[in-house]
Amino acid sequence: MYIQNTTIEEIYSLFTFDRELRNLFLKYLLIFENSMKSKVSYRFSEKFKEPHAYLLWNSYSSSNLNQVLNLIAIISNKIKHKSSDKNNNSIKHYGI
């Protein structure tokens, strides 16, 4: 439902404003997400110093043990699958 006497230019202006606003939010949300992931990773590695601690179940809260074990299995399988690909060097240093 449109307001009476609304022009296509006004509709298009609203559309472009909405698109620019979404792009602006997305840009800063991605920056925030990247910063948070870095901080969490840094704090995790500060607390758990052993190599590949992210693959050890006792590095996580025991309240969600099944979820933790499932996630570790998924990550481990993904690392094994990707590191076995001879054309993919991006993940080889995670190999265990």
PDB file of N, CA and C in Angstrom:
ATOM      1  N   MET A   1       0.853  -1.167   0.000  1.00  0.00           N
ATOM      2  CA  MET A   1       0.000   0.000   0.000  1.00  0.00           C
ATOM      3  C   MET A   1       0.905   1.239   0.000  1.00  0.00           C
ATOM      4  N   TYR A   2       0.694   2.108  -0.943  1.00  0.00           N
ATOM      5  CA  TYR A   2       1.497   3.316  -1.070  1.00  0.00           C
ATOM      6  C   TYR A   2       0.692   4.537  -0.664  1.00  0.00           C
ATOM      7  N   ILE A   3       1.399   5.534  -0.228  1.00  0.00           N
ATOM      8  CA  ILE A   3       0.753   6.819   0.072  1.00  0.00           C
ATOM      9  C   ILE A   3       0.330   7.435  -1.251  1.00  0.00           C
ATOM     10  N   GLN A   4      -0.829   8.025  -1.247  1.00  0.00           N
ATOM     11  CA  GLN A   4      -1.347   8.638  -2.472  1.00  0.00           C
ATOM     12  C   GLN A   4      -0.372   9.690  -2.992  1.00  0.00           C
ATOM     13  N   ASN A   5      -0.201   9.720  -4.303  1.00  0.00           N
ATOM     14  CA  ASN A   5       0.680  10.651  -5.021  1.00  0.00           C
ATOM     15  C   ASN A   5       2.163  10.333  -4.831  1.00  0.00           C
ATOM     16  N   THR A   6       2.470   9.137  -4.393  1.00  0.00           N
ATOM     17  CA  THR A   6       3.866   8.719  -4.291  1.00  0.00           C
ATOM     18  C   THR A   6       4.419   8.511  -5.693  1.00  0.00           C
ATOM     19  N   THR A   7       5.632   8.994  -5.894  1.00  0.00           N
ATOM     20  CA  THR A   7       6.243   8.849  -7.222  1.00  0.00           C
ATOM     21  C   THR A   7       7.220   7.682  -7.231  1.00  0.00           C
ATOM     22  N   ILE A   8       7.515   7.227  -8.424  1.00  0.00           N
ATOM     23  CA  ILE A   8       8.489   6.137  -8.570  1.00  0.00           C
ATOM     24  C   ILE A   8       9.868   6.590  -8.085  1.00  0.00           C
ATOM     25  N   GLU A   9      10.186   7.850  -8.236  1.00  0.00           N
ATOM     26  CA  GLU A   9      11.465   8.388  -7.766  1.00  0.00           C
ATOM     27  C   GLU A   9      11.566   8.297  -6.242  1.00  0.00           C
ATOM     28  N   GLU A  10      10.455   8.570  -5.555  1.00  0.00           N
ATOM     29  CA  GLU A  10      10.457   8.463  -4.097  1.00  0.00           C
ATOM     30  C   GLU A  10      10.624   7.013  -3.657  1.00  0.00           C
ATOM     31  N   ILE A  11       9.970   6.114  -4.351  1.00  0.00           N
ATOM     32  CA  ILE A  11      10.111   4.688  -4.046  1.00  0.00           C
ATOM     33  C   ILE A  11      11.542   4.244  -4.294  1.00  0.00           C
ATOM     34  N   TYR A  12      12.114   4.670  -5.414  1.00  0.00           N
ATOM     35  CA  TYR A  12      13.491   4.302  -5.734  1.00  0.00           C
ATOM     36  C   TYR A  12      14.458   4.907  -4.713  1.00  0.00           C
ATOM     37  N   SER A  13      14.214   6.119  -4.285  1.00  0.00           N
ATOM     38  CA  SER A  13      15.074   6.750  -3.269  1.00  0.00           C
ATOM     39  C   SER A  13      15.030   5.972  -1.955  1.00  0.00           C
ATOM     40  N   LEU A  14      13.840   5.535  -1.578  1.00  0.00           N
ATOM     41  CA  LEU A  14      13.705   4.727  -0.376  1.00  0.00           C
ATOM     42  C   LEU A  14      14.450   3.404  -0.532  1.00  0.00           C
ATOM     43  N   PHE A  15      14.330   2.803  -1.694  1.00  0.00           N
ATOM     44  CA  PHE A  15      15.036   1.562  -1.986  1.00  0.00           C
ATOM     45  C   PHE A  15      16.547   1.751  -1.887  1.00  0.00           C
ATOM     46  N   THR A  16      17.082   2.795  -2.513  1.00  0.00           N
ATOM     47  CA  THR A  16      18.536   3.014  -2.476  1.00  0.00           C
ATOM     48  C   THR A  16      19.010   3.357  -1.066  1.00  0.00           C
ATOM     49  N   PHE A  17      18.214   4.110  -0.319  1.00  0.00           N
ATOM     50  CA  PHE A  17      18.573   4.407   1.065  1.00  0.00           C
ATOM     51  C   PHE A  17      18.651   3.124   1.875  1.00  0.00           C
ATOM     52  N   ASP A  18      17.647   2.270   1.723  1.00  0.00           N
ATOM     53  CA  ASP A  18      17.625   0.994   2.429  1.00  0.00           C
ATOM     54  C   ASP A  18      18.841   0.148   2.066  1.00  0.00           C
ATOM     55  N   ARG A  19      19.171   0.078   0.783  1.00  0.00           N
ATOM     56  CA  ARG A  19      20.326  -0.710   0.333  1.00  0.00           C
ATOM     57  C   ARG A  19      21.622  -0.154   0.906  1.00  0.00           C
ATOM     58  N   GLU A  20      21.798   1.153   0.867  1.00  0.00           N
ATOM     59  CA  GLU A  20      23.017   1.768   1.406  1.00  0.00           C
ATOM     60  C   GLU A  20      23.120   1.568   2.914  1.00  0.00           C
ATOM     61  N   LEU A  21      21.993   1.658   3.603  1.00  0.00           N
ATOM     62  CA  LEU A  21      21.988   1.449   5.043  1.00  0.00           C
ATOM     63  C   LEU A  21      22.355   0.004   5.388  1.00  0.00           C
ATOM     64  N   ARG A  22      21.795  -0.959   4.652  1.00  0.00           N
ATOM     65  CA  ARG A  22      22.141  -2.374   4.871  1.00  0.00           C
ATOM     66  C   ARG A  22      23.619  -2.619   4.603  1.00  0.00           C
ATOM     67  N   ASN A  23      24.147  -2.043   3.535  1.00  0.00           N
ATOM     68  CA  ASN A  23      25.571  -2.217   3.216  1.00  0.00           C
ATOM     69  C   ASN A  23      26.459  -1.609   4.292  1.00  0.00           C
ATOM     70  N   LEU A  24      26.053  -0.487   4.813  1.00  0.00           N
ATOM     71  CA  LEU A  24      26.825   0.160   5.880  1.00  0.00           C
ATOM     72  C   LEU A  24      26.821  -0.701   7.148  1.00  0.00           C
ATOM     73  N   PHE A  25      25.646  -1.184   7.534  1.00  0.00           N
ATOM     74  CA  PHE A  25      25.562  -2.068   8.701  1.00  0.00           C
ATOM     75  C   PHE A  25      26.378  -3.331   8.483  1.00  0.00           C
ATOM     76  N   LEU A  26      26.259  -3.922   7.310  1.00  0.00           N
ATOM     77  CA  LEU A  26      26.998  -5.145   7.024  1.00  0.00           C
ATOM     78  C   LEU A  26      28.507  -4.912   7.119  1.00  0.00           C
ATOM     79  N   LYS A  27      28.964  -3.816   6.556  1.00  0.00           N
ATOM     80  CA  LYS A  27      30.397  -3.499   6.603  1.00  0.00           C
ATOM     81  C   LYS A  27      30.902  -3.481   8.050  1.00  0.00           C
ATOM     82  N   TYR A  28      30.199  -2.767   8.911  1.00  0.00           N
ATOM     83  CA  TYR A  28      30.664  -2.639  10.289  1.00  0.00           C
ATOM     84  C   TYR A  28      30.394  -3.892  11.120  1.00  0.00           C
ATOM     85  N   LEU A  29      29.354  -4.624  10.783  1.00  0.00           N
ATOM     86  CA  LEU A  29      29.135  -5.908  11.454  1.00  0.00           C
ATOM     87  C   LEU A  29      30.253  -6.893  11.127  1.00  0.00           C
ATOM     88  N   LEU A  30      30.708  -6.892   9.894  1.00  0.00           N
ATOM     89  CA  LEU A  30      31.807  -7.777   9.507  1.00  0.00           C
ATOM     90  C   LEU A  30      33.110  -7.381  10.207  1.00  0.00           C
ATOM     91  N   ILE A  31      33.352  -6.093  10.333  1.00  0.00           N
ATOM     92  CA  ILE A  31      34.538  -5.624  11.057  1.00  0.00           C
ATOM     93  C   ILE A  31      34.450  -6.045  12.524  1.00  0.00           C
ATOM     94  N   PHE A  32      33.272  -5.859  13.127  1.00  0.00           N
ATOM     95  CA  PHE A  32      33.065  -6.251  14.519  1.00  0.00           C
ATOM     96  C   PHE A  32      33.230  -7.761  14.686  1.00  0.00           C
ATOM     97  N   GLU A  33      32.636  -8.544  13.778  1.00  0.00           N
ATOM     98  CA  GLU A  33      32.738 -10.002  13.859  1.00  0.00           C
ATOM     99  C   GLU A  33      34.195 -10.449  13.773  1.00  0.00           C
ATOM    100  N   ASN A  34      34.944  -9.877  12.862  1.00  0.00           N
ATOM    101  CA  ASN A  34      36.350 -10.237  12.705  1.00  0.00           C
ATOM    102  C   ASN A  34      37.138  -9.894  13.972  1.00  0.00           C
ATOM    103  N   SER A  35      36.856  -8.755  14.544  1.00  0.00           N
ATOM    104  CA  SER A  35      37.532  -8.352  15.776  1.00  0.00           C
ATOM    105  C   SER A  35      37.202  -9.303  16.922  1.00  0.00           C
ATOM    106  N   MET A  36      35.932  -9.671  17.045  1.00  0.00           N
ATOM    107  CA  MET A  36      35.522 -10.585  18.121  1.00  0.00           C
ATOM    108  C   MET A  36      36.144 -11.965  17.936  1.00  0.00           C
ATOM    109  N   LYS A  37      36.172 -12.468  16.712  1.00  0.00           N
ATOM    110  CA  LYS A  37      36.785 -13.781  16.467  1.00  0.00           C
ATOM    111  C   LYS A  37      38.263 -13.753  16.836  1.00  0.00           C
ATOM    112  N   SER A  38      38.941 -12.677  16.498  1.00  0.00           N
ATOM    113  CA  SER A  38      40.361 -12.558  16.836  1.00  0.00           C
ATOM    114  C   SER A  38      40.567 -12.527  18.342  1.00  0.00           C
ATOM    115  N   LYS A  39      39.731 -11.771  19.036  1.00  0.00           N
ATOM    116  CA  LYS A  39      39.864 -11.673  20.492  1.00  0.00           C
ATOM    117  C   LYS A  39      39.576 -13.015  21.170  1.00  0.00           C
ATOM    118  N   VAL A  40      38.530 -13.698  20.722  1.00  0.00           N
ATOM    119  CA  VAL A  40      38.194 -14.997  21.311  1.00  0.00           C
ATOM    120  C   VAL A  40      39.328 -15.987  21.057  1.00  0.00           C
ATOM    121  N   SER A  41      39.849 -16.009  19.837  1.00  0.00           N
ATOM    122  CA  SER A  41      40.950 -16.921  19.502  1.00  0.00           C
ATOM    123  C   SER A  41      42.186 -16.617  20.344  1.00  0.00           C
ATOM    124  N   TYR A  42      42.477 -15.340  20.500  1.00  0.00           N
ATOM    125  CA  TYR A  42      43.643 -14.946  21.277  1.00  0.00           C
ATOM    126  C   TYR A  42      43.492 -15.373  22.736  1.00  0.00           C
ATOM    127  N   ARG A  43      42.333 -15.101  23.319  1.00  0.00           N
ATOM    128  CA  ARG A  43      42.108 -15.471  24.718  1.00  0.00           C
ATOM    129  C   ARG A  43      42.118 -16.988  24.897  1.00  0.00           C
ATOM    130  N   PHE A  44      41.546 -17.704  23.950  1.00  0.00           N
ATOM    131  CA  PHE A  44      41.540 -19.167  24.011  1.00  0.00           C
ATOM    132  C   PHE A  44      42.973 -19.688  23.999  1.00  0.00           C
ATOM    133  N   SER A  45      43.793 -19.162  23.086  1.00  0.00           N
ATOM    134  CA  SER A  45      45.170 -19.647  22.991  1.00  0.00           C
ATOM    135  C   SER A  45      46.021 -19.207  24.181  1.00  0.00           C
ATOM    136  N   GLU A  46      45.641 -18.127  24.831  1.00  0.00           N
ATOM    137  CA  GLU A  46      46.320 -17.725  26.065  1.00  0.00           C
ATOM    138  C   GLU A  46      46.062 -18.740  27.177  1.00  0.00           C
ATOM    139  N   LYS A  47      44.825 -19.194  27.270  1.00  0.00           N
ATOM    140  CA  LYS A  47      44.435 -20.107  28.338  1.00  0.00           C
ATOM    141  C   LYS A  47      44.861 -21.544  28.050  1.00  0.00           C
ATOM    142  N   PHE A  48      44.750 -21.978  26.804  1.00  0.00           N
ATOM    143  CA  PHE A  48      45.068 -23.356  26.422  1.00  0.00           C
ATOM    144  C   PHE A  48      46.269 -23.330  25.483  1.00  0.00           C
ATOM    145  N   LYS A  49      47.438 -23.536  26.048  1.00  0.00           N
ATOM    146  CA  LYS A  49      48.682 -23.344  25.310  1.00  0.00           C
ATOM    147  C   LYS A  49      49.146 -24.546  24.500  1.00  0.00           C
ATOM    148  N   GLU A  50      48.602 -25.735  24.763  1.00  0.00           N
ATOM    149  CA  GLU A  50      49.059 -26.922  24.039  1.00  0.00           C
ATOM    150  C   GLU A  50      48.631 -26.840  22.561  1.00  0.00           C
ATOM    151  N   PRO A  51      49.452 -27.429  21.691  1.00  0.00           N
ATOM    152  CA  PRO A  51      49.126 -27.405  20.257  1.00  0.00           C
ATOM    153  C   PRO A  51      47.766 -28.070  20.006  1.00  0.00           C
ATOM    154  N   HIS A  52      47.010 -27.493  19.108  1.00  0.00           N
ATOM    155  CA  HIS A  52      45.701 -28.018  18.695  1.00  0.00           C
ATOM    156  C   HIS A  52      44.727 -28.143  19.862  1.00  0.00           C
ATOM    157  N   ALA A  53      44.805 -27.232  20.828  1.00  0.00           N
ATOM    158  CA  ALA A  53      43.908 -27.275  21.992  1.00  0.00           C
ATOM    159  C   ALA A  53      42.447 -27.135  21.586  1.00  0.00           C
ATOM    160  N   TYR A  54      42.195 -26.519  20.452  1.00  0.00           N
ATOM    161  CA  TYR A  54      40.815 -26.368  19.986  1.00  0.00           C
ATOM    162  C   TYR A  54      40.195 -27.710  19.599  1.00  0.00           C
ATOM    163  N   LEU A  55      41.009 -28.768  19.485  1.00  0.00           N
ATOM    164  CA  LEU A  55      40.507 -30.097  19.160  1.00  0.00           C
ATOM    165  C   LEU A  55      40.430 -31.009  20.387  1.00  0.00           C
ATOM    166  N   LEU A  56      40.671 -30.457  21.560  1.00  0.00           N
ATOM    167  CA  LEU A  56      40.615 -31.243  22.797  1.00  0.00           C
ATOM    168  C   LEU A  56      39.319 -30.939  23.537  1.00  0.00           C
ATOM    169  N   TRP A  57      38.571 -31.971  23.877  1.00  0.00           N
ATOM    170  CA  TRP A  57      37.266 -31.778  24.510  1.00  0.00           C
ATOM    171  C   TRP A  57      37.371 -31.078  25.857  1.00  0.00           C
ATOM    172  N   ASN A  58      38.477 -31.290  26.585  1.00  0.00           N
ATOM    173  CA  ASN A  58      38.592 -30.683  27.913  1.00  0.00           C
ATOM    174  C   ASN A  58      38.970 -29.199  27.866  1.00  0.00           C
ATOM    175  N   SER A  59      39.077 -28.643  26.676  1.00  0.00           N
ATOM    176  CA  SER A  59      39.294 -27.204  26.534  1.00  0.00           C
ATOM    177  C   SER A  59      37.977 -26.433  26.569  1.00  0.00           C
ATOM    178  N   TYR A  60      36.870 -27.149  26.647  1.00  0.00           N
ATOM    179  CA  TYR A  60      35.555 -26.539  26.576  1.00  0.00           C
ATOM    180  C   TYR A  60      34.735 -26.867  27.813  1.00  0.00           C
ATOM    181  N   SER A  61      33.649 -26.170  27.976  1.00  0.00           N
ATOM    182  CA  SER A  61      32.724 -26.405  29.081  1.00  0.00           C
ATOM    183  C   SER A  61      32.110 -27.793  28.949  1.00  0.00           C
ATOM    184  N   SER A  62      32.030 -28.490  30.047  1.00  0.00           N
ATOM    185  CA  SER A  62      31.492 -29.854  30.007  1.00  0.00           C
ATOM    186  C   SER A  62      29.967 -29.874  29.970  1.00  0.00           C
ATOM    187  N   SER A  63      29.318 -28.738  30.104  1.00  0.00           N
ATOM    188  CA  SER A  63      27.853 -28.707  30.106  1.00  0.00           C
ATOM    189  C   SER A  63      27.272 -29.048  28.736  1.00  0.00           C
ATOM    190  N   ASN A  64      28.022 -28.846  27.685  1.00  0.00           N
ATOM    191  CA  ASN A  64      27.560 -29.134  26.325  1.00  0.00           C
ATOM    192  C   ASN A  64      28.462 -30.189  25.690  1.00  0.00           C
ATOM    193  N   LEU A  65      28.825 -31.201  26.401  1.00  0.00           N
ATOM    194  CA  LEU A  65      29.833 -32.152  25.936  1.00  0.00           C
ATOM    195  C   LEU A  65      29.481 -32.771  24.578  1.00  0.00           C
ATOM    196  N   ASN A  66      28.238 -33.159  24.375  1.00  0.00           N
ATOM    197  CA  ASN A  66      27.861 -33.743  23.083  1.00  0.00           C
ATOM    198  C   ASN A  66      28.049 -32.762  21.941  1.00  0.00           C
ATOM    199  N   GLN A  67      27.642 -31.513  22.147  1.00  0.00           N
ATOM    200  CA  GLN A  67      27.827 -30.491  21.120  1.00  0.00           C
ATOM    201  C   GLN A  67      29.308 -30.253  20.859  1.00  0.00           C
ATOM    202  N   VAL A  68      30.089 -30.202  21.925  1.00  0.00           N
ATOM    203  CA  VAL A  68      31.533 -29.988  21.796  1.00  0.00           C
ATOM    204  C   VAL A  68      32.166 -31.121  20.997  1.00  0.00           C
ATOM    205  N   LEU A  69      31.838 -32.357  21.349  1.00  0.00           N
ATOM    206  CA  LEU A  69      32.411 -33.503  20.644  1.00  0.00           C
ATOM    207  C   LEU A  69      31.995 -33.522  19.171  1.00  0.00           C
ATOM    208  N   ASN A  70      30.752 -33.186  18.892  1.00  0.00           N
ATOM    209  CA  ASN A  70      30.302 -33.114  17.498  1.00  0.00           C
ATOM    210  C   ASN A  70      31.049 -32.035  16.729  1.00  0.00           C
ATOM    211  N   LEU A  71      31.209 -30.873  17.339  1.00  0.00           N
ATOM    212  CA  LEU A  71      31.920 -29.781  16.680  1.00  0.00           C
ATOM    213  C   LEU A  71      33.382 -30.145  16.443  1.00  0.00           C
ATOM    214  N   ILE A  72      34.038 -30.752  17.428  1.00  0.00           N
ATOM    215  CA  ILE A  72      35.437 -31.167  17.266  1.00  0.00           C
ATOM    216  C   ILE A  72      35.553 -32.180  16.139  1.00  0.00           C
ATOM    217  N   ALA A  73      34.619 -33.115  16.046  1.00  0.00           N
ATOM    218  CA  ALA A  73      34.643 -34.108  14.961  1.00  0.00           C
ATOM    219  C   ALA A  73      34.498 -33.430  13.603  1.00  0.00           C
ATOM    220  N   ILE A  74      33.592 -32.475  13.508  1.00  0.00           N
ATOM    221  CA  ILE A  74      33.395 -31.756  12.243  1.00  0.00           C
ATOM    222  C   ILE A  74      34.654 -30.996  11.855  1.00  0.00           C
ATOM    223  N   ILE A  75      35.229 -30.269  12.810  1.00  0.00           N
ATOM    224  CA  ILE A  75      36.448 -29.490  12.526  1.00  0.00           C
ATOM    225  C   ILE A  75      37.587 -30.419  12.132  1.00  0.00           C
ATOM    226  N   SER A  76      37.768 -31.483  12.883  1.00  0.00           N
ATOM    227  CA  SER A  76      38.850 -32.429  12.616  1.00  0.00           C
ATOM    228  C   SER A  76      38.701 -33.058  11.234  1.00  0.00           C
ATOM    229  N   ASN A  77      37.490 -33.473  10.896  1.00  0.00           N
ATOM    230  CA  ASN A  77      37.251 -34.059   9.571  1.00  0.00           C
ATOM    231  C   ASN A  77      37.494 -33.056   8.453  1.00  0.00           C
ATOM    232  N   LYS A  78      37.081 -31.820   8.673  1.00  0.00           N
ATOM    233  CA  LYS A  78      37.291 -30.777   7.656  1.00  0.00           C
ATOM    234  C   LYS A  78      38.783 -30.527   7.457  1.00  0.00           C
ATOM    235  N   ILE A  79      39.533 -30.487   8.557  1.00  0.00           N
ATOM    236  CA  ILE A  79      40.983 -30.277   8.461  1.00  0.00           C
ATOM    237  C   ILE A  79      41.628 -31.440   7.713  1.00  0.00           C
ATOM    238  N   LYS A  80      41.269 -32.666   8.075  1.00  0.00           N
ATOM    239  CA  LYS A  80      41.845 -33.836   7.399  1.00  0.00           C
ATOM    240  C   LYS A  80      41.511 -33.840   5.919  1.00  0.00           C
ATOM    241  N   HIS A  81      40.261 -33.535   5.600  1.00  0.00           N
ATOM    242  CA  HIS A  81      39.832 -33.526   4.193  1.00  0.00           C
ATOM    243  C   HIS A  81      40.567 -32.448   3.405  1.00  0.00           C
ATOM    244  N   LYS A  82      40.618 -31.241   3.944  1.00  0.00           N
ATOM    245  CA  LYS A  82      41.261 -30.125   3.236  1.00  0.00           C
ATOM    246  C   LYS A  82      42.779 -30.283   3.174  1.00  0.00           C
ATOM    247  N   SER A  83      43.393 -30.797   4.242  1.00  0.00           N
ATOM    248  CA  SER A  83      44.855 -30.907   4.241  1.00  0.00           C
ATOM    249  C   SER A  83      45.333 -32.050   3.344  1.00  0.00           C
ATOM    250  N   SER A  84      44.454 -32.986   3.021  1.00  0.00           N
ATOM    251  CA  SER A  84      44.840 -34.072   2.117  1.00  0.00           C
ATOM    252  C   SER A  84      44.761 -33.632   0.651  1.00  0.00           C
ATOM    253  N   ASP A  85      44.108 -32.517   0.395  1.00  0.00           N
ATOM    254  CA  ASP A  85      44.003 -31.983  -0.961  1.00  0.00           C
ATOM    255  C   ASP A  85      45.335 -31.333  -1.333  1.00  0.00           C
ATOM    256  N   LYS A  86      46.017 -31.903  -2.296  1.00  0.00           N
ATOM    257  CA  LYS A  86      47.359 -31.426  -2.679  1.00  0.00           C
ATOM    258  C   LYS A  86      47.337 -30.019  -3.261  1.00  0.00           C
ATOM    259  N   ASN A  87      46.192 -29.588  -3.774  1.00  0.00           N
ATOM    260  CA  ASN A  87      46.090 -28.256  -4.374  1.00  0.00           C
ATOM    261  C   ASN A  87      45.701 -27.187  -3.361  1.00  0.00           C
ATOM    262  N   ASN A  88      45.448 -27.580  -2.127  1.00  0.00           N
ATOM    263  CA  ASN A  88      44.983 -26.631  -1.114  1.00  0.00           C
ATOM    264  C   ASN A  88      46.017 -26.539   0.004  1.00  0.00           C
ATOM    265  N   ASN A  89      46.858 -25.507  -0.035  1.00  0.00           N
ATOM    266  CA  ASN A  89      47.889 -25.316   0.985  1.00  0.00           C
ATOM    267  C   ASN A  89      47.409 -24.429   2.136  1.00  0.00           C
ATOM    268  N   SER A  90      46.205 -23.866   2.020  1.00  0.00           N
ATOM    269  CA  SER A  90      45.762 -22.881   2.993  1.00  0.00           C
ATOM    270  C   SER A  90      45.507 -23.446   4.369  1.00  0.00           C
ATOM    271  N   ILE A  91      45.294 -24.738   4.502  1.00  0.00           N
ATOM    272  CA  ILE A  91      44.924 -25.318   5.788  1.00  0.00           C
ATOM    273  C   ILE A  91      45.942 -26.339   6.290  1.00  0.00           C
ATOM    274  N   LYS A  92      47.018 -26.558   5.561  1.00  0.00           N
ATOM    275  CA  LYS A  92      47.995 -27.596   5.914  1.00  0.00           C
ATOM    276  C   LYS A  92      48.584 -27.400   7.298  1.00  0.00           C
ATOM    277  N   HIS A  93      48.792 -26.162   7.737  1.00  0.00           N
ATOM    278  CA  HIS A  93      49.409 -25.949   9.055  1.00  0.00           C
ATOM    279  C   HIS A  93      48.483 -26.327  10.203  1.00  0.00           C
ATOM    280  N   TYR A  94      47.195 -26.556   9.934  1.00  0.00           N
ATOM    281  CA  TYR A  94      46.275 -27.025  10.971  1.00  0.00           C
ATOM    282  C   TYR A  94      46.279 -28.541  11.099  1.00  0.00           C
ATOM    283  N   GLY A  95      46.876 -29.205  10.130  1.00  0.00           N
ATOM    284  CA  GLY A  95      46.860 -30.672  10.098  1.00  0.00           C
ATOM    285  C   GLY A  95      47.423 -31.278  11.370  1.00  0.00           C
ATOM    286  N   ILE A  96      46.842 -32.383  11.747  1.00  0.00           N
ATOM    287  CA  ILE A  96      47.265 -33.048  12.979  1.00  0.00           C
ATOM    288  C   ILE A  96      47.707 -34.453  12.686  1.00  0.00           C
TER     289      ILE A  96
END
